């Protein structure tokens, strides 16, 4: 199959590209840059095409000749929007996904795989990300094309810059920093398992609707971050909390900058969102074997592993 991956240079997207290519598919990546340098994809026979999901005039050429499209695009500095640069949930998630669906319909694509979020499966506060993701999911599932929405939980990986910095700090500090009270729940999953789920979904057009892509263990954010720190340091780490009022103040100030560094919507996203894992998931529907949390964290962040040499 020839598969187009939007967001194919991002964390989930690039791992999906590598997995699809390893399974024998011809992969095309939509990128805002003409020749992006993606270390994970160096040396792979991957085709890059320049375009932007916000610009529908660039999408026909990207979709032309493709059998399937994986929609994994996201704006830079997610979840901090930049209204001035049109890097928002609405512009990228809702409108961008709608543009991709229209291009897929016009070019005879017969399979769509949308990378959504687990927050849609839980009762969460009203938020632009929830509204945009839900509208995008509806556009995909009502497209008339065989489609599945993968509601992905928190993804961890050695090549995620934010988690990598976090793990390195945990080696030097006796604590981990938790934003807010850290009580909100999640079911973290290794990026390799997400990539496997995406590749399997591409190959299984009979699987449609909504699937949960979650790790096997549900924990609080505080527990998860402590386990990341413990995997990196090889010893337990206590938690130091930054109170929500301080985050809210930082968000109010940060969103006023020409290029926002933080925002109040981001505070809600980080501290309030519940990402519990509903029962219908990829293990049952796609046969994906999900990595145990402790094993995955050691593989990603342990000493001598991946991006973390001893």
Protein backbone atom coordinates (compact mmCIF):
# COMPACT_ATOMS: atom_id res chain seq x y z
CA UNK A 1 0.00 0.00 0.00
CA UNK A 2 0.99 3.61 -0.50
CA UNK A 3 0.34 5.50 2.73
CA UNK A 4 0.41 9.25 3.34
CA UNK A 5 1.26 10.29 6.90
CA UNK A 6 0.46 13.84 7.97
CA UNK A 7 2.54 14.96 10.92
CA UNK A 8 5.07 12.35 9.86
CA UNK A 9 8.02 14.23 11.34
CA UNK A 10 6.43 14.49 14.81
CA UNK A 11 6.88 11.99 17.60
CA UNK A 12 4.01 9.59 16.87
CA UNK A 13 4.09 10.25 13.14
CA UNK A 14 7.76 9.46 12.59
CA UNK A 15 7.52 6.21 14.53
CA UNK A 16 4.43 5.27 12.51
CA UNK A 17 6.32 6.03 9.30
CA UNK A 18 9.23 3.80 10.33
CA UNK A 19 6.87 0.98 11.32
CA UNK A 20 4.84 1.19 8.11
CA UNK A 21 8.00 1.18 6.02
CA UNK A 22 9.33 -1.84 7.92
CA UNK A 23 6.12 -3.67 7.08
CA UNK A 24 6.66 -3.13 3.38
CA UNK A 25 4.46 -0.12 2.67
CA UNK A 26 5.46 2.80 0.45
CA UNK A 27 5.27 5.82 2.75
CA UNK A 28 4.84 9.47 1.85
CA UNK A 29 5.21 12.16 4.53
CA UNK A 30 3.48 15.53 4.42
CA UNK A 31 5.81 18.16 5.88
CA UNK A 32 5.84 21.94 6.05
CA UNK A 33 9.53 21.76 5.09
CA UNK A 34 10.70 20.46 1.73
CA UNK A 35 13.55 18.30 3.05
CA UNK A 36 13.21 17.74 6.79
CA UNK A 37 16.01 15.99 8.65
CA UNK A 38 14.42 13.34 10.86
CA UNK A 39 17.06 11.12 12.52
CA UNK A 40 14.71 8.15 12.91
CA UNK A 41 13.94 8.21 9.17
CA UNK A 42 17.46 8.73 7.83
CA UNK A 43 18.30 6.14 5.22
CA UNK A 44 14.73 4.93 4.83
CA UNK A 45 13.08 5.09 1.39
CA UNK A 46 10.50 7.63 2.51
CA UNK A 47 9.03 10.21 0.14
CA UNK A 48 8.59 13.74 1.50
CA UNK A 49 6.06 16.13 0.00
CA UNK A 50 5.81 19.75 1.08
CA UNK A 51 2.44 20.95 2.27
CA UNK A 52 0.34 22.10 5.19
CA UNK A 53 -2.97 20.72 6.44
CA UNK A 54 -4.14 24.31 6.86
CA UNK A 55 -3.69 24.91 3.11
CA UNK A 56 -6.04 22.65 1.14
CA UNK A 57 -4.35 23.53 -2.16
CA UNK A 58 -1.30 21.49 -1.10
CA UNK A 59 -3.20 18.32 -0.20
CA UNK A 60 -4.39 16.95 -3.55
CA UNK A 61 -0.84 16.28 -4.70
CA UNK A 62 -0.03 14.71 -1.33
CA UNK A 63 -3.02 12.33 -1.47
CA UNK A 64 -2.69 11.49 -5.16
CA UNK A 65 -2.05 7.77 -5.67
CA UNK A 66 -2.37 6.90 -1.97
CA UNK A 67 -4.44 4.02 -0.65
CA UNK A 68 -4.48 5.16 2.97
CA UNK A 69 -3.90 8.33 4.96
CA UNK A 70 -2.72 8.47 8.58
CA UNK A 71 -3.71 11.76 10.19
CA UNK A 72 -1.23 12.46 13.01
CA UNK A 73 -0.64 16.20 12.53
CA UNK A 74 -0.32 18.62 15.44
CA UNK A 75 0.84 22.20 15.82
CA UNK A 76 4.28 23.16 17.23
CA UNK A 77 4.53 23.71 21.00
CA UNK A 78 1.35 21.70 21.60
CA UNK A 79 -0.70 22.28 23.78
CA UNK A 80 0.24 25.99 23.80
CA UNK A 81 -1.59 27.68 20.95
CA UNK A 82 -0.21 30.61 18.95
CA UNK A 83 -3.10 32.63 17.55
CA UNK A 84 -0.82 34.99 15.62
CA UNK A 85 0.69 32.11 13.64
CA UNK A 86 -2.63 30.26 13.30
CA UNK A 87 -1.16 27.36 15.29
CA UNK A 88 -4.33 26.42 17.12
CA UNK A 89 -6.45 23.36 17.85
CA UNK A 90 -9.19 24.70 15.59
CA UNK A 91 -6.96 25.56 12.64
CA UNK A 92 -4.84 22.41 12.72
CA UNK A 93 -7.00 19.72 14.33
CA UNK A 94 -10.47 20.64 13.11
CA UNK A 95 -9.97 22.57 9.88
CA UNK A 96 -6.75 20.79 8.91
CA UNK A 97 -8.30 17.36 9.36
CA UNK A 98 -11.38 18.40 7.39
CA UNK A 99 -9.13 19.56 4.54
CA UNK A 100 -7.34 16.19 4.57
CA UNK A 101 -10.61 14.26 4.51
CA UNK A 102 -11.81 16.27 1.52
CA UNK A 103 -8.55 15.64 -0.34
CA UNK A 104 -8.74 11.93 0.48
CA UNK A 105 -12.30 11.74 -0.86
CA UNK A 106 -11.31 13.53 -4.06
CA UNK A 107 -8.34 11.23 -4.68
CA UNK A 108 -9.90 7.83 -4.08
CA UNK A 109 -8.24 7.06 -0.74
CA UNK A 110 -9.97 4.03 0.79
CA UNK A 111 -8.60 3.99 4.36
CA UNK A 112 -8.28 6.73 7.00
CA UNK A 113 -6.59 6.37 10.39
CA UNK A 114 -7.02 9.37 12.68
CA UNK A 115 -4.77 9.83 15.71
CA UNK A 116 -7.05 11.32 18.34
CA UNK A 117 -6.78 11.58 22.13
CA UNK A 118 -8.03 9.61 25.14
CA UNK A 119 -9.32 12.81 26.72
CA UNK A 120 -12.35 12.51 24.43
CA UNK A 121 -13.37 9.32 26.24
CA UNK A 122 -13.64 10.93 29.69
CA UNK A 123 -15.80 13.73 31.14
CA UNK A 124 -13.35 16.63 30.86
CA UNK A 125 -13.69 20.44 31.06
CA UNK A 126 -14.75 22.34 27.95
CA UNK A 127 -11.55 23.07 26.07
CA UNK A 128 -10.62 24.09 22.51
CA UNK A 129 -8.64 20.87 22.12
CA UNK A 130 -11.64 18.70 23.03
CA UNK A 131 -13.94 20.64 20.69
CA UNK A 132 -11.51 20.50 17.78
CA UNK A 133 -10.59 16.83 18.21
CA UNK A 134 -14.22 15.81 18.48
CA UNK A 135 -15.16 17.72 15.32
CA UNK A 136 -12.16 16.26 13.47
CA UNK A 137 -13.04 12.75 14.58
CA UNK A 138 -16.59 13.23 13.33
CA UNK A 139 -15.33 14.46 9.94
CA UNK A 140 -13.16 11.35 9.59
CA UNK A 141 -15.77 8.83 10.70
CA UNK A 142 -18.55 10.35 8.54
CA UNK A 143 -16.35 10.64 5.44
CA UNK A 144 -17.77 7.61 3.64
CA UNK A 145 -14.26 6.11 3.68
CA UNK A 146 -13.33 3.11 5.84
CA UNK A 147 -12.05 4.95 8.92
CA UNK A 148 -10.93 4.42 12.49
CA UNK A 149 -10.11 6.92 15.21
CA UNK A 150 -7.37 5.86 17.59
CA UNK A 151 -7.81 7.67 20.89
CA UNK A 152 -4.22 7.65 22.08
CA UNK A 153 -3.27 8.08 25.73
CA UNK A 154 -0.09 9.72 27.08
CA UNK A 155 2.81 8.63 24.86
CA UNK A 156 6.35 8.28 26.22
CA UNK A 157 9.54 7.84 24.22
CA UNK A 158 13.28 8.32 24.55
CA UNK A 159 13.24 10.68 21.55
CA UNK A 160 10.52 12.93 22.97
CA UNK A 161 12.52 16.08 23.90
CA UNK A 162 10.31 16.97 26.86
CA UNK A 163 10.42 13.54 28.48
CA UNK A 164 14.12 13.24 27.66
CA UNK A 165 14.90 16.48 29.52
CA UNK A 166 12.70 15.37 32.39
CA UNK A 167 14.49 12.04 32.67
CA UNK A 168 17.94 13.66 32.57
CA UNK A 169 17.00 16.05 35.37
CA UNK A 170 15.78 13.12 37.44
CA UNK A 171 19.30 11.69 37.39
CA UNK A 172 20.66 14.76 39.13
CA UNK A 173 17.80 15.79 41.40
CA UNK A 174 16.29 13.78 44.26
CA UNK A 175 12.78 14.77 43.15
CA UNK A 176 10.56 15.18 40.10
CA UNK A 177 8.50 18.29 39.39
CA UNK A 178 4.74 17.79 39.06
CA UNK A 179 2.49 20.50 37.65
CA UNK A 180 -0.59 20.84 39.83
CA UNK A 181 -1.67 18.13 42.26
CA UNK A 182 -0.94 15.34 39.76
CA UNK A 183 -4.08 13.42 40.66
CA UNK A 184 -5.53 13.23 37.14
CA UNK A 185 -5.36 9.72 35.71
CA UNK A 186 -3.70 8.38 32.57
CA UNK A 187 -2.64 5.07 31.04
CA UNK A 188 0.77 5.82 29.48
CA UNK A 189 1.83 3.88 26.41
CA UNK A 190 5.17 3.39 24.64
CA UNK A 191 5.47 5.11 21.27
CA UNK A 192 6.48 1.81 19.64
CA UNK A 193 3.13 0.32 20.63
CA UNK A 194 1.27 3.32 19.22
CA UNK A 195 3.17 2.96 15.93
CA UNK A 196 2.28 -0.73 15.83
CA UNK A 197 -1.38 0.11 16.43
CA UNK A 198 -1.36 2.65 13.59
CA UNK A 199 0.28 0.24 11.15
CA UNK A 200 -2.16 -2.53 12.09
CA UNK A 201 -5.10 -0.16 11.71
CA UNK A 202 -3.95 0.81 8.22
CA UNK A 203 -3.91 -2.87 7.23
CA UNK A 204 -7.30 -3.72 8.79
CA UNK A 205 -9.97 -1.73 6.91
CA UNK A 206 -12.70 -3.85 8.51
CA UNK A 207 -11.86 -2.23 11.86
CA UNK A 208 -13.80 1.02 12.05
CA UNK A 209 -15.14 3.45 14.64
CA UNK A 210 -13.29 4.43 17.82
CA UNK A 211 -10.54 2.46 19.54
CA UNK A 212 -8.62 3.23 22.73
CA UNK A 213 -4.82 3.11 22.49
CA UNK A 214 -3.70 2.91 26.11
CA UNK A 215 -1.03 1.35 28.23
CA UNK A 216 -1.89 -1.62 30.44
CA UNK A 217 -1.71 0.28 33.73
CA UNK A 218 -3.70 3.31 34.84
CA UNK A 219 -1.82 5.68 37.17
CA UNK A 220 -1.97 9.29 38.33
CA UNK A 221 0.27 11.84 36.64
CA UNK A 222 2.28 12.12 39.84
CA UNK A 223 2.86 8.37 39.91
CA UNK A 224 3.76 8.32 36.22
CA UNK A 225 6.34 11.10 36.51
CA UNK A 226 7.86 9.52 39.59
CA UNK A 227 8.24 6.26 37.66
CA UNK A 228 9.89 8.08 34.76
CA UNK A 229 12.34 9.58 37.26
CA UNK A 230 12.94 6.24 38.93
CA UNK A 231 13.59 4.52 35.58
CA UNK A 232 16.13 7.21 34.64
CA UNK A 233 17.86 7.48 38.02
CA UNK A 234 17.62 3.88 39.17
CA UNK A 235 16.25 5.05 42.52
CA UNK A 236 12.91 6.34 43.86
CA UNK A 237 12.12 10.02 43.40
CA UNK A 238 9.77 12.11 45.53
CA UNK A 239 7.41 14.67 43.98
CA UNK A 240 7.59 18.45 44.29
CA UNK A 241 4.37 20.15 43.18
CA UNK A 242 3.96 23.53 41.48
CA UNK A 243 0.56 24.80 42.68
CA UNK A 244 -2.14 25.44 40.15
CA UNK A 245 -2.43 29.14 41.03
CA UNK A 246 1.23 29.63 40.09
CA UNK A 247 0.70 27.78 36.82
CA UNK A 248 -2.39 29.88 36.10
CA UNK A 249 -0.40 33.09 36.66
CA UNK A 250 2.41 31.81 34.42
CA UNK A 251 -0.15 30.93 31.76
CA UNK A 252 -1.79 34.35 31.91
CA UNK A 253 1.60 36.02 31.44
CA UNK A 254 2.99 33.51 28.94
CA UNK A 255 0.08 33.75 26.53
CA UNK A 256 0.65 37.49 26.15
CA UNK A 257 4.06 37.02 24.58
CA UNK A 258 4.46 37.38 20.79
CA UNK A 259 5.31 33.68 20.74
CA UNK A 260 3.43 32.23 23.72
CA UNK A 261 5.45 30.02 26.05
CA UNK A 262 2.51 28.90 28.19
CA UNK A 263 -1.22 29.52 28.48
CA UNK A 264 -4.18 29.04 30.80
CA UNK A 265 -5.71 26.54 28.34
CA UNK A 266 -2.47 24.58 28.57
CA UNK A 267 -2.81 24.57 32.38
CA UNK A 268 -6.27 23.03 32.04
CA UNK A 269 -4.95 20.48 29.55
CA UNK A 270 -2.06 19.43 31.79
CA UNK A 271 -3.63 19.53 35.23
CA UNK A 272 -7.34 18.80 34.72
CA UNK A 273 -7.69 16.32 31.88
CA UNK A 274 -8.62 12.78 32.85
CA UNK A 275 -7.42 10.11 30.42
CA UNK A 276 -8.92 6.93 31.77
CA UNK A 277 -8.85 4.00 29.37
CA UNK A 278 -12.17 2.50 28.16
CA UNK A 279 -12.24 -1.28 27.68
CA UNK A 280 -12.41 -1.53 23.86
CA UNK A 281 -8.78 -1.17 22.88
CA UNK A 282 -6.19 -2.15 20.31
CA UNK A 283 -5.22 -5.40 22.00
CA UNK A 284 -8.64 -6.90 21.36
CA UNK A 285 -9.37 -5.22 18.02
CA UNK A 286 -5.95 -5.24 16.35
CA UNK A 287 -3.95 -7.84 18.28
CA UNK A 288 -1.33 -5.34 19.44
CA UNK A 289 0.61 -6.53 22.49
CA UNK A 290 1.08 -3.53 24.77
CA UNK A 291 4.33 -3.16 26.71
CA UNK A 292 4.09 -3.20 30.53
CA UNK A 293 4.71 0.27 31.95
CA UNK A 294 7.81 -0.52 34.01
CA UNK A 295 9.40 -2.42 31.09
CA UNK A 296 8.70 0.41 28.66
CA UNK A 297 10.03 3.11 30.96
CA UNK A 298 13.27 1.21 31.59
CA UNK A 299 13.70 0.66 27.86
CA UNK A 300 13.10 4.34 27.10
CA UNK A 301 14.85 6.08 30.00
CA UNK A 302 16.99 3.57 31.88
CA UNK A 303 20.76 3.95 32.07
CA UNK A 304 22.46 2.58 29.00
CA UNK A 305 19.18 2.50 27.07
CA UNK A 306 18.19 4.40 23.94
CA UNK A 307 19.09 8.07 24.25
CA UNK A 308 20.39 7.63 27.80
CA UNK A 309 23.88 6.11 27.85
CA UNK A 310 25.32 5.03 31.16
